[in-house]
Structure formats: C-alpha cells, structure tokens
Amino acid sequence: VRMDGDEVYVDCAVSSCAVPFDGMPRFSGTAAAE
C-alpha cells in the first residue's frame, strides 16, 4: 500500500467481535518504531 509516498507491505485483516473479550491489550497510543 502507499503510505506518505512510499510502498509499504501490509498483511492485516479483521473479524467481527462475537463476545466481549477480557484481558485484551490496550495501548497508550501508536508510534513509529526506531
């Protein structure tokens, strides 16, 4: 996919959420890895 003028590979998908999930990770935000 194109991101800010660069080609970046992604392998990603989503499903519906059938039941409540306890203990799922929650994040403080997102960032670029260094």
Full PDB file with SEQRES, HELIX, SHEET, SSBOND, CRYST1, ORIGX, SCALE, CONECT and MASTER records, all heavy atoms in Angstrom:
SEQRES   1 A   34  VAL ARG MET ASP GLY ASP GLU VAL TYR VAL ASP CYS ALA          
SEQRES   2 A   34  VAL SER SER CYS ALA VAL PRO PHE ASP GLY MET PRO ARG          
SEQRES   3 A   34  PHE SER GLY THR ALA ALA ALA GLU                              
SHEET    1 AA1 2 ARG A   2  MET A   3  0                                        
SHEET    2 AA1 2 ASP A   6  GLU A   7 -1                                        
CRYST1    1.000    1.000    1.000  90.00  90.00  90.00 P 1           1          
ORIGX1      1.000000  0.000000  0.000000        0.00000                         
ORIGX2      0.000000  1.000000  0.000000        0.00000                         
ORIGX3      0.000000  0.000000  1.000000        0.00000                         
SCALE1      1.000000  0.000000  0.000000        0.00000                         
SCALE2      0.000000  1.000000  0.000000        0.00000                         
SCALE3      0.000000  0.000000  1.000000        0.00000                         
ATOM      1  N   VAL A   1       0.868  -1.182   0.000  1.00  0.00           N  
ATOM      2  CA  VAL A   1       0.000   0.000   0.000  1.00  0.00           C  
ATOM      3  C   VAL A   1       0.902   1.228   0.000  1.00  0.00           C  
ATOM      4  O   VAL A   1       2.089   1.152   0.332  1.00  0.00           O  
ATOM      5  CB  VAL A   1      -0.928   0.028   1.227  1.00  0.00           C  
ATOM      6  CG1 VAL A   1      -1.851  -1.188   1.226  1.00  0.00           C  
ATOM      7  CG2 VAL A   1      -0.139   0.097   2.525  1.00  0.00           C  
ATOM      8  N   ARG A   2       0.370   2.363  -0.378  1.00  0.00           N  
ATOM      9  CA  ARG A   2       1.159   3.589  -0.390  1.00  0.00           C  
ATOM     10  C   ARG A   2       0.903   4.361   0.894  1.00  0.00           C  
ATOM     11  O   ARG A   2      -0.224   4.568   1.299  1.00  0.00           O  
ATOM     12  CB  ARG A   2       0.828   4.446  -1.613  1.00  0.00           C  
ATOM     13  CG  ARG A   2       1.746   5.667  -1.755  1.00  0.00           C  
ATOM     14  CD  ARG A   2       1.779   6.166  -3.168  1.00  0.00           C  
ATOM     15  NE  ARG A   2       2.397   5.226  -4.083  1.00  0.00           N  
ATOM     16  CZ  ARG A   2       3.704   5.148  -4.319  1.00  0.00           C  
ATOM     17  NH1 ARG A   2       4.538   5.949  -3.678  1.00  0.00           N  
ATOM     18  NH2 ARG A   2       4.172   4.292  -5.187  1.00  0.00           N  
ATOM     19  N   MET A   3       2.005   4.756   1.531  1.00  0.00           N  
ATOM     20  CA  MET A   3       1.933   5.491   2.795  1.00  0.00           C  
ATOM     21  C   MET A   3       2.924   6.637   2.738  1.00  0.00           C  
ATOM     22  O   MET A   3       4.143   6.406   2.689  1.00  0.00           O  
ATOM     23  CB  MET A   3       2.271   4.556   3.959  1.00  0.00           C  
ATOM     24  CG  MET A   3       2.217   5.194   5.327  1.00  0.00           C  
ATOM     25  SD  MET A   3       0.522   5.360   5.907  1.00  0.00           S  
ATOM     26  CE  MET A   3       0.809   5.983   7.558  1.00  0.00           C  
ATOM     27  N   ASP A   4       2.420   7.857   2.676  1.00  0.00           N  
ATOM     28  CA  ASP A   4       3.276   9.048   2.630  1.00  0.00           C  
ATOM     29  C   ASP A   4       4.309   8.962   1.506  1.00  0.00           C  
ATOM     30  O   ASP A   4       5.480   9.298   1.675  1.00  0.00           O  
ATOM     31  CB  ASP A   4       3.984   9.238   3.981  1.00  0.00           C  
ATOM     32  CG  ASP A   4       3.000   9.464   5.115  1.00  0.00           C  
ATOM     33  OD1 ASP A   4       1.913  10.027   4.867  1.00  0.00           O  
ATOM     34  OD2 ASP A   4       3.308   9.072   6.251  1.00  0.00           O  
ATOM     35  N   GLY A   5       3.851   8.477   0.360  1.00  0.00           N  
ATOM     36  CA  GLY A   5       4.692   8.421  -0.831  1.00  0.00           C  
ATOM     37  C   GLY A   5       5.544   7.186  -0.964  1.00  0.00           C  
ATOM     38  O   GLY A   5       6.249   7.026  -1.975  1.00  0.00           O  
ATOM     39  N   ASP A   6       5.514   6.276   0.011  1.00  0.00           N  
ATOM     40  CA  ASP A   6       6.323   5.060  -0.025  1.00  0.00           C  
ATOM     41  C   ASP A   6       5.434   3.830  -0.136  1.00  0.00           C  
ATOM     42  O   ASP A   6       4.300   3.812   0.355  1.00  0.00           O  
ATOM     43  CB  ASP A   6       7.178   4.934   1.244  1.00  0.00           C  
ATOM     44  CG  ASP A   6       8.220   6.021   1.337  1.00  0.00           C  
ATOM     45  OD1 ASP A   6       8.906   6.273   0.322  1.00  0.00           O  
ATOM     46  OD2 ASP A   6       8.367   6.612   2.425  1.00  0.00           O  
ATOM     47  N   GLU A   7       5.961   2.773  -0.765  1.00  0.00           N  
ATOM     48  CA  GLU A   7       5.283   1.486  -0.800  1.00  0.00           C  
ATOM     49  C   GLU A   7       5.613   0.728   0.487  1.00  0.00           C  
ATOM     50  O   GLU A   7       6.780   0.548   0.831  1.00  0.00           O  
ATOM     51  CB  GLU A   7       5.738   0.675  -2.012  1.00  0.00           C  
ATOM     52  CG  GLU A   7       5.312   1.253  -3.350  1.00  0.00           C  
ATOM     53  CD  GLU A   7       3.823   1.072  -3.605  1.00  0.00           C  
ATOM     54  OE1 GLU A   7       3.292  -0.005  -3.268  1.00  0.00           O  
ATOM     55  OE2 GLU A   7       3.193   2.005  -4.127  1.00  0.00           O  
ATOM     56  N   VAL A   8       4.580   0.279   1.184  1.00  0.00           N  
ATOM     57  CA  VAL A   8       4.737  -0.455   2.437  1.00  0.00           C  
ATOM     58  C   VAL A   8       3.886  -1.717   2.363  1.00  0.00           C  
ATOM     59  O   VAL A   8       2.703  -1.653   1.989  1.00  0.00           O  
ATOM     60  CB  VAL A   8       4.293   0.386   3.656  1.00  0.00           C  
ATOM     61  CG1 VAL A   8       4.535  -0.374   4.958  1.00  0.00           C  
ATOM     62  CG2 VAL A   8       4.993   1.733   3.677  1.00  0.00           C  
ATOM     63  N   TYR A   9       4.462  -2.856   2.709  1.00  0.00           N  
ATOM     64  CA  TYR A   9       3.718  -4.112   2.700  1.00  0.00           C  
ATOM     65  C   TYR A   9       2.865  -4.219   3.952  1.00  0.00           C  
ATOM     66  O   TYR A   9       3.307  -3.884   5.060  1.00  0.00           O  
ATOM     67  CB  TYR A   9       4.698  -5.287   2.656  1.00  0.00           C  
ATOM     68  CG  TYR A   9       4.056  -6.648   2.717  1.00  0.00           C  
ATOM     69  CD1 TYR A   9       3.482  -7.233   1.596  1.00  0.00           C  
ATOM     70  CD2 TYR A   9       4.026  -7.365   3.916  1.00  0.00           C  
ATOM     71  CE1 TYR A   9       2.902  -8.487   1.648  1.00  0.00           C  
ATOM     72  CE2 TYR A   9       3.452  -8.617   3.985  1.00  0.00           C  
ATOM     73  CZ  TYR A   9       2.893  -9.176   2.845  1.00  0.00           C  
ATOM     74  OH  TYR A   9       2.333 -10.421   2.915  1.00  0.00           O  
ATOM     75  N   VAL A  10       1.635  -4.699   3.789  1.00  0.00           N  
ATOM     76  CA  VAL A  10       0.775  -4.992   4.930  1.00  0.00           C  
ATOM     77  C   VAL A  10       0.173  -6.387   4.767  1.00  0.00           C  
ATOM     78  O   VAL A  10      -0.077  -6.852   3.651  1.00  0.00           O  
ATOM     79  CB  VAL A  10      -0.357  -3.958   5.111  1.00  0.00           C  
ATOM     80  CG1 VAL A  10       0.207  -2.592   5.447  1.00  0.00           C  
ATOM     81  CG2 VAL A  10      -1.261  -3.886   3.889  1.00  0.00           C  
ATOM     82  N   ASP A  11      -0.037  -7.038   5.873  1.00  0.00           N  
ATOM     83  CA  ASP A  11      -0.715  -8.331   5.958  1.00  0.00           C  
ATOM     84  C   ASP A  11      -1.629  -8.193   7.164  1.00  0.00           C  
ATOM     85  O   ASP A  11      -1.203  -8.374   8.309  1.00  0.00           O  
ATOM     86  CB  ASP A  11       0.311  -9.454   6.142  1.00  0.00           C  
ATOM     87  CG  ASP A  11      -0.325 -10.837   6.271  1.00  0.00           C  
ATOM     88  OD1 ASP A  11      -1.558 -10.927   6.414  1.00  0.00           O  
ATOM     89  OD2 ASP A  11       0.430 -11.831   6.267  1.00  0.00           O  
ATOM     90  N   CYS A  12      -2.897  -7.856   6.932  1.00  0.00           N  
ATOM     91  CA  CYS A  12      -3.768  -7.475   8.042  1.00  0.00           C  
ATOM     92  C   CYS A  12      -5.219  -7.754   7.677  1.00  0.00           C  
ATOM     93  O   CYS A  12      -5.600  -7.704   6.511  1.00  0.00           O  
ATOM     94  CB  CYS A  12      -3.588  -6.004   8.396  1.00  0.00           C  
ATOM     95  SG  CYS A  12      -3.774  -4.853   7.005  1.00  0.00           S  
ATOM     96  N   ALA A  13      -6.027  -8.042   8.687  1.00  0.00           N  
ATOM     97  CA  ALA A  13      -7.437  -8.303   8.458  1.00  0.00           C  
ATOM     98  C   ALA A  13      -8.178  -8.193   9.782  1.00  0.00           C  
ATOM     99  O   ALA A  13      -7.571  -8.219  10.861  1.00  0.00           O  
ATOM    100  CB  ALA A  13      -7.645  -9.689   7.852  1.00  0.00           C  
ATOM    101  N   VAL A  14      -9.491  -8.107   9.683  1.00  0.00           N  
ATOM    102  CA  VAL A  14     -10.324  -8.028  10.876  1.00  0.00           C  
ATOM    103  C   VAL A  14     -11.488  -8.998  10.766  1.00  0.00           C  
ATOM    104  O   VAL A  14     -11.932  -9.367   9.678  1.00  0.00           O  
ATOM    105  CB  VAL A  14     -10.865  -6.603  11.120  1.00  0.00           C  
ATOM    106  CG1 VAL A  14      -9.744  -5.650  11.472  1.00  0.00           C  
ATOM    107  CG2 VAL A  14     -11.673  -6.102   9.926  1.00  0.00           C  
ATOM    108  N   SER A  15     -11.970  -9.382  11.939  1.00  0.00           N  
ATOM    109  CA  SER A  15     -13.201 -10.166  12.036  1.00  0.00           C  
ATOM    110  C   SER A  15     -14.185  -9.396  12.901  1.00  0.00           C  
ATOM    111  O   SER A  15     -13.820  -8.449  13.604  1.00  0.00           O  
ATOM    112  CB  SER A  15     -12.930 -11.541  12.649  1.00  0.00           C  
ATOM    113  OG  SER A  15     -12.767 -11.452  14.050  1.00  0.00           O  
ATOM    114  N   SER A  16     -15.436  -9.824  12.860  1.00  0.00           N  
ATOM    115  CA  SER A  16     -16.406  -9.272  13.791  1.00  0.00           C  
ATOM    116  C   SER A  16     -16.068  -9.749  15.197  1.00  0.00           C  
ATOM    117  O   SER A  16     -15.267 -10.658  15.394  1.00  0.00           O  
ATOM    118  CB  SER A  16     -17.817  -9.719  13.399  1.00  0.00           C  
ATOM    119  OG  SER A  16     -17.936 -11.136  13.490  1.00  0.00           O  
ATOM    120  N   CYS A  17     -16.684  -9.117  16.161  1.00  0.00           N  
ATOM    121  CA  CYS A  17     -16.439  -9.426  17.571  1.00  0.00           C  
ATOM    122  C   CYS A  17     -17.723 -10.018  18.147  1.00  0.00           C  
ATOM    123  O   CYS A  17     -18.692  -9.295  18.393  1.00  0.00           O  
ATOM    124  CB  CYS A  17     -16.035  -8.164  18.315  1.00  0.00           C  
ATOM    125  SG  CYS A  17     -15.603  -8.402  20.039  1.00  0.00           S  
ATOM    126  N   ALA A  18     -17.734 -11.332  18.357  1.00  0.00           N  
ATOM    127  CA  ALA A  18     -18.961 -12.013  18.737  1.00  0.00           C  
ATOM    128  C   ALA A  18     -19.266 -11.921  20.222  1.00  0.00           C  
ATOM    129  O   ALA A  18     -20.425 -11.941  20.627  1.00  0.00           O  
ATOM    130  CB  ALA A  18     -18.888 -13.488  18.323  1.00  0.00           C  
ATOM    131  N   VAL A  19     -18.224 -11.852  21.046  1.00  0.00           N  
ATOM    132  CA  VAL A  19     -18.413 -11.839  22.500  1.00  0.00           C  
ATOM    133  C   VAL A  19     -17.465 -10.823  23.115  1.00  0.00           C  
ATOM    134  O   VAL A  19     -16.442 -10.459  22.516  1.00  0.00           O  
ATOM    135  CB  VAL A  19     -18.132 -13.237  23.107  1.00  0.00           C  
ATOM    136  CG1 VAL A  19     -19.155 -14.248  22.643  1.00  0.00           C  
ATOM    137  CG2 VAL A  19     -16.722 -13.704  22.774  1.00  0.00           C  
ATOM    138  N   PRO A  20     -17.762 -10.331  24.328  1.00  0.00           N  
ATOM    139  CA  PRO A  20     -16.815  -9.426  24.999  1.00  0.00           C  
ATOM    140  C   PRO A  20     -15.493 -10.140  25.282  1.00  0.00           C  
ATOM    141  O   PRO A  20     -15.488 -11.319  25.639  1.00  0.00           O  
ATOM    142  CB  PRO A  20     -17.546  -9.059  26.298  1.00  0.00           C  
ATOM    143  CG  PRO A  20     -18.982  -9.371  26.048  1.00  0.00           C  
ATOM    144  CD  PRO A  20     -18.995 -10.526  25.102  1.00  0.00           C  
ATOM    145  N   PHE A  21     -14.400  -9.432  25.125  1.00  0.00           N  
ATOM    146  CA  PHE A  21     -13.084 -10.012  25.368  1.00  0.00           C  
ATOM    147  C   PHE A  21     -12.424  -9.316  26.545  1.00  0.00           C  
ATOM    148  O   PHE A  21     -12.193  -8.107  26.518  1.00  0.00           O  
ATOM    149  CB  PHE A  21     -12.197  -9.882  24.126  1.00  0.00           C  
ATOM    150  CG  PHE A  21     -12.477 -10.929  23.089  1.00  0.00           C  
ATOM    151  CD1 PHE A  21     -13.445 -10.721  22.120  1.00  0.00           C  
ATOM    152  CD2 PHE A  21     -11.789 -12.128  23.097  1.00  0.00           C  
ATOM    153  CE1 PHE A  21     -13.713 -11.678  21.179  1.00  0.00           C  
ATOM    154  CE2 PHE A  21     -12.051 -13.107  22.147  1.00  0.00           C  
ATOM    155  CZ  PHE A  21     -13.017 -12.885  21.189  1.00  0.00           C  
ATOM    156  N   ASP A  22     -12.140 -10.107  27.579  1.00  0.00           N  
ATOM    157  CA  ASP A  22     -11.406  -9.590  28.734  1.00  0.00           C  
ATOM    158  C   ASP A  22      -9.918  -9.823  28.522  1.00  0.00           C  
ATOM    159  O   ASP A  22      -9.508 -10.791  27.894  1.00  0.00           O  
ATOM    160  CB  ASP A  22     -11.859 -10.300  30.011  1.00  0.00           C  
ATOM    161  CG  ASP A  22     -13.326 -10.044  30.338  1.00  0.00           C  
ATOM    162  OD1 ASP A  22     -13.772  -8.909  30.068  1.00  0.00           O  
ATOM    163  OD2 ASP A  22     -13.989 -10.960  30.834  1.00  0.00           O  
ATOM    164  N   GLY A  23      -9.112  -8.949  29.070  1.00  0.00           N  
ATOM    165  CA  GLY A  23      -7.668  -9.139  29.019  1.00  0.00           C  
ATOM    166  C   GLY A  23      -7.027  -8.814  27.692  1.00  0.00           C  
ATOM    167  O   GLY A  23      -5.865  -9.161  27.462  1.00  0.00           O  
ATOM    168  N   MET A  24      -7.745  -8.148  26.796  1.00  0.00           N  
ATOM    169  CA  MET A  24      -7.140  -7.741  25.536  1.00  0.00           C  
ATOM    170  C   MET A  24      -6.201  -6.568  25.787  1.00  0.00           C  
ATOM    171  O   MET A  24      -6.459  -5.732  26.664  1.00  0.00           O  
ATOM    172  CB  MET A  24      -8.214  -7.320  24.528  1.00  0.00           C  
ATOM    173  CG  MET A  24      -9.030  -8.478  23.979  1.00  0.00           C  
ATOM    174  SD  MET A  24      -8.017  -9.639  23.040  1.00  0.00           S  
ATOM    175  CE  MET A  24      -7.537  -8.615  21.654  1.00  0.00           C  
ATOM    176  N   PRO A  25      -5.098  -6.488  25.040  1.00  0.00           N  
ATOM    177  CA  PRO A  25      -4.193  -5.363  25.246  1.00  0.00           C  
ATOM    178  C   PRO A  25      -4.837  -4.033  24.904  1.00  0.00           C  
ATOM    179  O   PRO A  25      -5.635  -3.936  23.968  1.00  0.00           O  
ATOM    180  CB  PRO A  25      -3.027  -5.676  24.296  1.00  0.00           C  
ATOM    181  CG  PRO A  25      -3.590  -6.591  23.267  1.00  0.00           C  
ATOM    182  CD  PRO A  25      -4.632  -7.395  23.975  1.00  0.00           C  
ATOM    183  N   ARG A  26      -4.523  -3.028  25.693  1.00  0.00           N  
ATOM    184  CA  ARG A  26      -4.940  -1.655  25.411  1.00  0.00           C  
ATOM    185  C   ARG A  26      -3.680  -0.811  25.379  1.00  0.00           C  
ATOM    186  O   ARG A  26      -2.754  -1.031  26.162  1.00  0.00           O  
ATOM    187  CB  ARG A  26      -5.924  -1.160  26.459  1.00  0.00           C  
ATOM    188  CG  ARG A  26      -7.202  -2.004  26.512  1.00  0.00           C  
ATOM    189  CD  ARG A  26      -8.112  -1.582  27.632  1.00  0.00           C  
ATOM    190  NE  ARG A  26      -8.734  -0.286  27.342  1.00  0.00           N  
ATOM    191  CZ  ARG A  26      -9.521   0.338  28.210  1.00  0.00           C  
ATOM    192  NH1 ARG A  26      -9.744  -0.185  29.409  1.00  0.00           N  
ATOM    193  NH2 ARG A  26     -10.075   1.494  27.881  1.00  0.00           N  
ATOM    194  N   PHE A  27      -3.637   0.137  24.487  1.00  0.00           N  
ATOM    195  CA  PHE A  27      -2.400   0.823  24.172  1.00  0.00           C  
ATOM    196  C   PHE A  27      -2.470   2.289  24.582  1.00  0.00           C  
ATOM    197  O   PHE A  27      -3.548   2.882  24.638  1.00  0.00           O  
ATOM    198  CB  PHE A  27      -2.108   0.696  22.676  1.00  0.00           C  
ATOM    199  CG  PHE A  27      -2.232  -0.714  22.169  1.00  0.00           C  
ATOM    200  CD1 PHE A  27      -3.399  -1.147  21.548  1.00  0.00           C  
ATOM    201  CD2 PHE A  27      -1.213  -1.616  22.353  1.00  0.00           C  
ATOM    202  CE1 PHE A  27      -3.538  -2.440  21.099  1.00  0.00           C  
ATOM    203  CE2 PHE A  27      -1.332  -2.929  21.908  1.00  0.00           C  
ATOM    204  CZ  PHE A  27      -2.496  -3.339  21.278  1.00  0.00           C  
ATOM    205  N   SER A  28      -1.300   2.863  24.843  1.00  0.00           N  
ATOM    206  CA  SER A  28      -1.259   4.283  25.182  1.00  0.00           C  
ATOM    207  C   SER A  28      -1.308   5.159  23.940  1.00  0.00           C  
ATOM    208  O   SER A  28      -1.472   6.371  24.037  1.00  0.00           O  
ATOM    209  CB  SER A  28       0.002   4.596  25.997  1.00  0.00           C  
ATOM    210  OG  SER A  28       1.168   4.310  25.240  1.00  0.00           O  
ATOM    211  N   GLY A  29      -1.161   4.548  22.777  1.00  0.00           N  
ATOM    212  CA  GLY A  29      -1.181   5.265  21.509  1.00  0.00           C  
ATOM    213  C   GLY A  29      -0.482   4.432  20.458  1.00  0.00           C  
ATOM    214  O   GLY A  29      -0.303   3.219  20.621  1.00  0.00           O  
ATOM    215  N   THR A  30      -0.089   5.066  19.376  1.00  0.00           N  
ATOM    216  CA  THR A  30       0.689   4.409  18.320  1.00  0.00           C  
ATOM    217  C   THR A  30       1.941   5.235  18.053  1.00  0.00           C  
ATOM    218  O   THR A  30       1.983   6.434  18.349  1.00  0.00           O  
ATOM    219  CB  THR A  30      -0.125   4.256  17.020  1.00  0.00           C  
ATOM    220  OG1 THR A  30      -0.476   5.553  16.534  1.00  0.00           O  
ATOM    221  CG2 THR A  30      -1.388   3.441  17.262  1.00  0.00           C  
ATOM    222  N   ALA A  31       2.952   4.584  17.481  1.00  0.00           N  
ATOM    223  CA  ALA A  31       4.204   5.278  17.201  1.00  0.00           C  
ATOM    224  C   ALA A  31       4.949   4.540  16.106  1.00  0.00           C  
ATOM    225  O   ALA A  31       4.661   3.373  15.800  1.00  0.00           O  
ATOM    226  CB  ALA A  31       5.068   5.369  18.468  1.00  0.00           C  
ATOM    227  N   ALA A  32       5.913   5.210  15.505  1.00  0.00           N  
ATOM    228  CA  ALA A  32       6.820   4.582  14.551  1.00  0.00           C  
ATOM    229  C   ALA A  32       7.969   3.940  15.315  1.00  0.00           C  
ATOM    230  O   ALA A  32       8.504   4.519  16.260  1.00  0.00           O  
ATOM    231  CB  ALA A  32       7.351   5.620  13.572  1.00  0.00           C  
ATOM    232  N   ALA A  33       8.332   2.733  14.934  1.00  0.00           N  
ATOM    233  CA  ALA A  33       9.437   2.031  15.581  1.00  0.00           C  
ATOM    234  C   ALA A  33      10.766   2.604  15.111  1.00  0.00           C  
ATOM    235  O   ALA A  33      10.920   2.981  13.943  1.00  0.00           O  
ATOM    236  CB  ALA A  33       9.376   0.543  15.269  1.00  0.00           C  
ATOM    237  N   GLU A  34      11.724   2.678  16.016  1.00  0.00           N  
ATOM    238  CA  GLU A  34      13.058   3.181  15.705  1.00  0.00           C  
ATOM    239  C   GLU A  34      14.078   2.052  15.828  1.00  0.00           C  
ATOM    240  O   GLU A  34      13.986   1.233  16.745  1.00  0.00           O  
ATOM    241  CB  GLU A  34      13.437   4.305  16.672  1.00  0.00           C  
ATOM    242  CG  GLU A  34      12.528   5.523  16.610  1.00  0.00           C  
ATOM    243  CD  GLU A  34      12.688   6.300  15.328  1.00  0.00           C  
ATOM    244  OE1 GLU A  34      13.741   6.139  14.668  1.00  0.00           O  
ATOM    245  OE2 GLU A  34      11.770   7.068  14.974  1.00  0.00           O  
TER     246      GLU A  34                                                      
MASTER        0    0    0    0    2    0    0    6  245    1    0    3          
END                                                                             
